[in-house]
Amino acid sequence: MKNKLLSYNEAMEKRNRYTSKFKTKVVLKTLREEQTLNEIAGKHELSPVMLSRWKAEFLERASTIFEKKTHEADKLKKEYESKQEHLEKLVGQLTVEVDWLKKKSGLK
């Protein structure tokens, strides 16, 4: 059987994509140190190098969990409320227009 080189697209299709939830679960197992990194990687069919990267990234970003991001959250909340208000006005306007059209056409 010949070895076939995969195109970039084929390689990307075969590439596993892991959820953040899965990555967190596996990294937390490594931090508990109940098993070696190689054992955990083998159990989950992962590369130990990849698991080491996940762990390093997790530890690097851990401090951001406790940061206050109220400015960004407030901005998103205001945008959401503004859109909500606009949509409520639009629904009200359209309701009035539909009622007026029904009345004019004699359907009501």
C-alpha atoms as a PDB file:
ATOM      1  CA  MET A   1       0.000   0.000   0.000  1.00  0.00           C
ATOM      2  CA  LYS A   2       1.396   3.389  -0.997  1.00  0.00           C
ATOM      3  CA  ASN A   3       1.671   6.197   1.483  1.00  0.00           C
ATOM      4  CA  LYS A   4      -0.378   9.095   0.251  1.00  0.00           C
ATOM      5  CA  LEU A   5       0.500  12.654   1.161  1.00  0.00           C
ATOM      6  CA  LEU A   6      -2.559  14.567   2.315  1.00  0.00           C
ATOM      7  CA  SER A   7      -3.381  17.933   0.872  1.00  0.00           C
ATOM      8  CA  TYR A   8      -3.672  20.821   3.310  1.00  0.00           C
ATOM      9  CA  ASN A   9      -7.495  20.704   3.140  1.00  0.00           C
ATOM     10  CA  GLU A  10      -7.563  16.956   3.758  1.00  0.00           C
ATOM     11  CA  ALA A  11      -5.232  17.361   6.714  1.00  0.00           C
ATOM     12  CA  MET A  12      -7.408  20.105   8.156  1.00  0.00           C
ATOM     13  CA  GLU A  13     -10.498  17.895   7.796  1.00  0.00           C
ATOM     14  CA  LYS A  14      -8.760  15.061   9.649  1.00  0.00           C
ATOM     15  CA  ARG A  15      -7.521  17.388  12.355  1.00  0.00           C
ATOM     16  CA  ASN A  16      -9.303  16.922  15.665  1.00  0.00           C
ATOM     17  CA  ARG A  17     -11.052  19.893  17.129  1.00  0.00           C
ATOM     18  CA  TYR A  18     -11.480  19.896  20.882  1.00  0.00           C
ATOM     19  CA  THR A  19     -13.962  21.947  22.845  1.00  0.00           C
ATOM     20  CA  SER A  20     -12.773  24.322  25.526  1.00  0.00           C
ATOM     21  CA  LYS A  21     -14.733  22.248  28.040  1.00  0.00           C
ATOM     22  CA  PHE A  22     -12.821  19.098  27.067  1.00  0.00           C
ATOM     23  CA  LYS A  23      -9.472  20.902  27.169  1.00  0.00           C
ATOM     24  CA  THR A  24     -10.247  22.285  30.622  1.00  0.00           C
ATOM     25  CA  LYS A  25     -11.241  18.854  31.938  1.00  0.00           C
ATOM     26  CA  VAL A  26      -8.034  17.259  30.678  1.00  0.00           C
ATOM     27  CA  VAL A  27      -5.787  20.089  31.881  1.00  0.00           C
ATOM     28  CA  LEU A  28      -7.347  19.941  35.353  1.00  0.00           C
ATOM     29  CA  LYS A  29      -6.505  16.233  35.446  1.00  0.00           C
ATOM     30  CA  THR A  30      -2.864  17.090  34.765  1.00  0.00           C
ATOM     31  CA  LEU A  31      -2.872  19.706  37.512  1.00  0.00           C
ATOM     32  CA  ARG A  32      -4.186  17.180  40.059  1.00  0.00           C
ATOM     33  CA  GLU A  33      -1.030  15.133  39.371  1.00  0.00           C
ATOM     34  CA  GLU A  34      -2.815  11.841  40.091  1.00  0.00           C
ATOM     35  CA  GLN A  35      -1.431  10.509  36.794  1.00  0.00           C
ATOM     36  CA  THR A  36       1.498  11.495  34.641  1.00  0.00           C
ATOM     37  CA  LEU A  37       1.002  13.778  31.692  1.00  0.00           C
ATOM     38  CA  ASN A  38       1.844  10.884  29.350  1.00  0.00           C
ATOM     39  CA  GLU A  39      -0.763   8.638  30.989  1.00  0.00           C
ATOM     40  CA  ILE A  40      -3.468  11.293  30.658  1.00  0.00           C
ATOM     41  CA  ALA A  41      -2.475  12.044  27.065  1.00  0.00           C
ATOM     42  CA  GLY A  42      -2.592   8.344  26.203  1.00  0.00           C
ATOM     43  CA  LYS A  43      -5.946   7.832  27.880  1.00  0.00           C
ATOM     44  CA  HIS A  44      -7.473  10.654  25.839  1.00  0.00           C
ATOM     45  CA  GLU A  45      -5.523   9.857  22.637  1.00  0.00           C
ATOM     46  CA  LEU A  46      -3.705  13.182  22.704  1.00  0.00           C
ATOM     47  CA  SER A  47      -0.162  14.169  22.041  1.00  0.00           C
ATOM     48  CA  PRO A  48       1.728  14.883  25.295  1.00  0.00           C
ATOM     49  CA  VAL A  49       3.170  17.970  23.568  1.00  0.00           C
ATOM     50  CA  MET A  50      -0.326  19.267  22.796  1.00  0.00           C
ATOM     51  CA  LEU A  51      -1.433  18.607  26.359  1.00  0.00           C
ATOM     52  CA  SER A  52       1.615  20.478  27.657  1.00  0.00           C
ATOM     53  CA  ARG A  53       0.703  23.453  25.454  1.00  0.00           C
ATOM     54  CA  TRP A  54      -2.879  23.410  26.723  1.00  0.00           C
ATOM     55  CA  LYS A  55      -1.635  23.315  30.299  1.00  0.00           C
ATOM     56  CA  ALA A  56       0.786  26.205  29.733  1.00  0.00           C
ATOM     57  CA  GLU A  57      -1.914  28.292  28.059  1.00  0.00           C
ATOM     58  CA  PHE A  58      -4.349  27.491  30.863  1.00  0.00           C
ATOM     59  CA  LEU A  59      -1.879  28.555  33.538  1.00  0.00           C
ATOM     60  CA  GLU A  60      -0.920  31.681  31.590  1.00  0.00           C
ATOM     61  CA  ARG A  61      -4.535  32.821  31.316  1.00  0.00           C
ATOM     62  CA  ALA A  62      -5.708  31.672  34.761  1.00  0.00           C
ATOM     63  CA  SER A  63      -5.329  35.111  36.345  1.00  0.00           C
ATOM     64  CA  THR A  64      -7.747  36.650  33.842  1.00  0.00           C
ATOM     65  CA  ILE A  65     -10.613  34.682  35.367  1.00  0.00           C
ATOM     66  CA  PHE A  66     -10.670  36.997  38.343  1.00  0.00           C
ATOM     67  CA  GLU A  67     -10.245  40.254  36.434  1.00  0.00           C
ATOM     68  CA  LYS A  68     -13.157  42.625  36.372  1.00  0.00           C
ATOM     69  CA  LYS A  69     -14.299  43.198  32.822  1.00  0.00           C
ATOM     70  CA  THR A  70     -17.236  45.366  33.707  1.00  0.00           C
ATOM     71  CA  HIS A  71     -16.445  47.968  31.061  1.00  0.00           C
ATOM     72  CA  GLU A  72     -16.740  45.451  28.247  1.00  0.00           C
ATOM     73  CA  ALA A  73     -19.757  43.757  29.809  1.00  0.00           C
ATOM     74  CA  ASP A  74     -21.499  47.103  30.338  1.00  0.00           C
ATOM     75  CA  LYS A  75     -20.852  48.060  26.724  1.00  0.00           C
ATOM     76  CA  LEU A  76     -22.365  44.794  25.485  1.00  0.00           C
ATOM     77  CA  LYS A  77     -25.332  45.182  27.815  1.00  0.00           C
ATOM     78  CA  LYS A  78     -26.024  48.724  26.565  1.00  0.00           C
ATOM     79  CA  GLU A  79     -25.801  47.575  22.937  1.00  0.00           C
ATOM     80  CA  TYR A  80     -28.211  44.735  23.668  1.00  0.00           C
ATOM     81  CA  GLU A  81     -30.669  47.015  25.467  1.00  0.00           C
ATOM     82  CA  SER A  82     -30.489  49.554  22.634  1.00  0.00           C
ATOM     83  CA  LYS A  83     -31.255  46.876  20.049  1.00  0.00           C
ATOM     84  CA  GLN A  84     -34.051  45.520  22.233  1.00  0.00           C
ATOM     85  CA  GLU A  85     -35.604  48.975  22.560  1.00  0.00           C
ATOM     86  CA  HIS A  86     -35.369  49.540  18.800  1.00  0.00           C
ATOM     87  CA  LEU A  87     -37.043  46.186  18.085  1.00  0.00           C
ATOM     88  CA  GLU A  88     -39.847  46.873  20.583  1.00  0.00           C
ATOM     89  CA  LYS A  89     -40.542  50.236  18.899  1.00  0.00           C
ATOM     90  CA  LEU A  90     -40.535  48.560  15.512  1.00  0.00           C
ATOM     91  CA  VAL A  91     -43.006  45.886  16.666  1.00  0.00           C
ATOM     92  CA  GLY A  92     -45.277  48.598  18.062  1.00  0.00           C
ATOM     93  CA  GLN A  93     -45.117  50.587  14.833  1.00  0.00           C
ATOM     94  CA  LEU A  94     -45.828  47.532  12.694  1.00  0.00           C
ATOM     95  CA  THR A  95     -48.742  46.510  14.923  1.00  0.00           C
ATOM     96  CA  VAL A  96     -50.309  49.943  14.503  1.00  0.00           C
ATOM     97  CA  GLU A  97     -49.794  49.784  10.726  1.00  0.00           C
ATOM     98  CA  VAL A  98     -51.344  46.311  10.466  1.00  0.00           C
ATOM     99  CA  ASP A  99     -54.344  47.369  12.544  1.00  0.00           C
ATOM    100  CA  TRP A 100     -54.801  50.482  10.359  1.00  0.00           C
ATOM    101  CA  LEU A 101     -54.584  48.402   7.166  1.00  0.00           C
ATOM    102  CA  LYS A 102     -57.096  45.871   8.496  1.00  0.00           C
ATOM    103  CA  LYS A 103     -59.484  48.676   9.414  1.00  0.00           C
ATOM    104  CA  LYS A 104     -59.138  50.362   6.007  1.00  0.00           C
ATOM    105  CA  SER A 105     -59.633  47.088   4.125  1.00  0.00           C
ATOM    106  CA  GLY A 106     -62.660  46.133   6.205  1.00  0.00           C
ATOM    107  CA  LEU A 107     -61.100  42.926   7.602  1.00  0.00           C
ATOM    108  CA  LYS A 108     -61.444  43.930  11.230  1.00  0.00           C
END
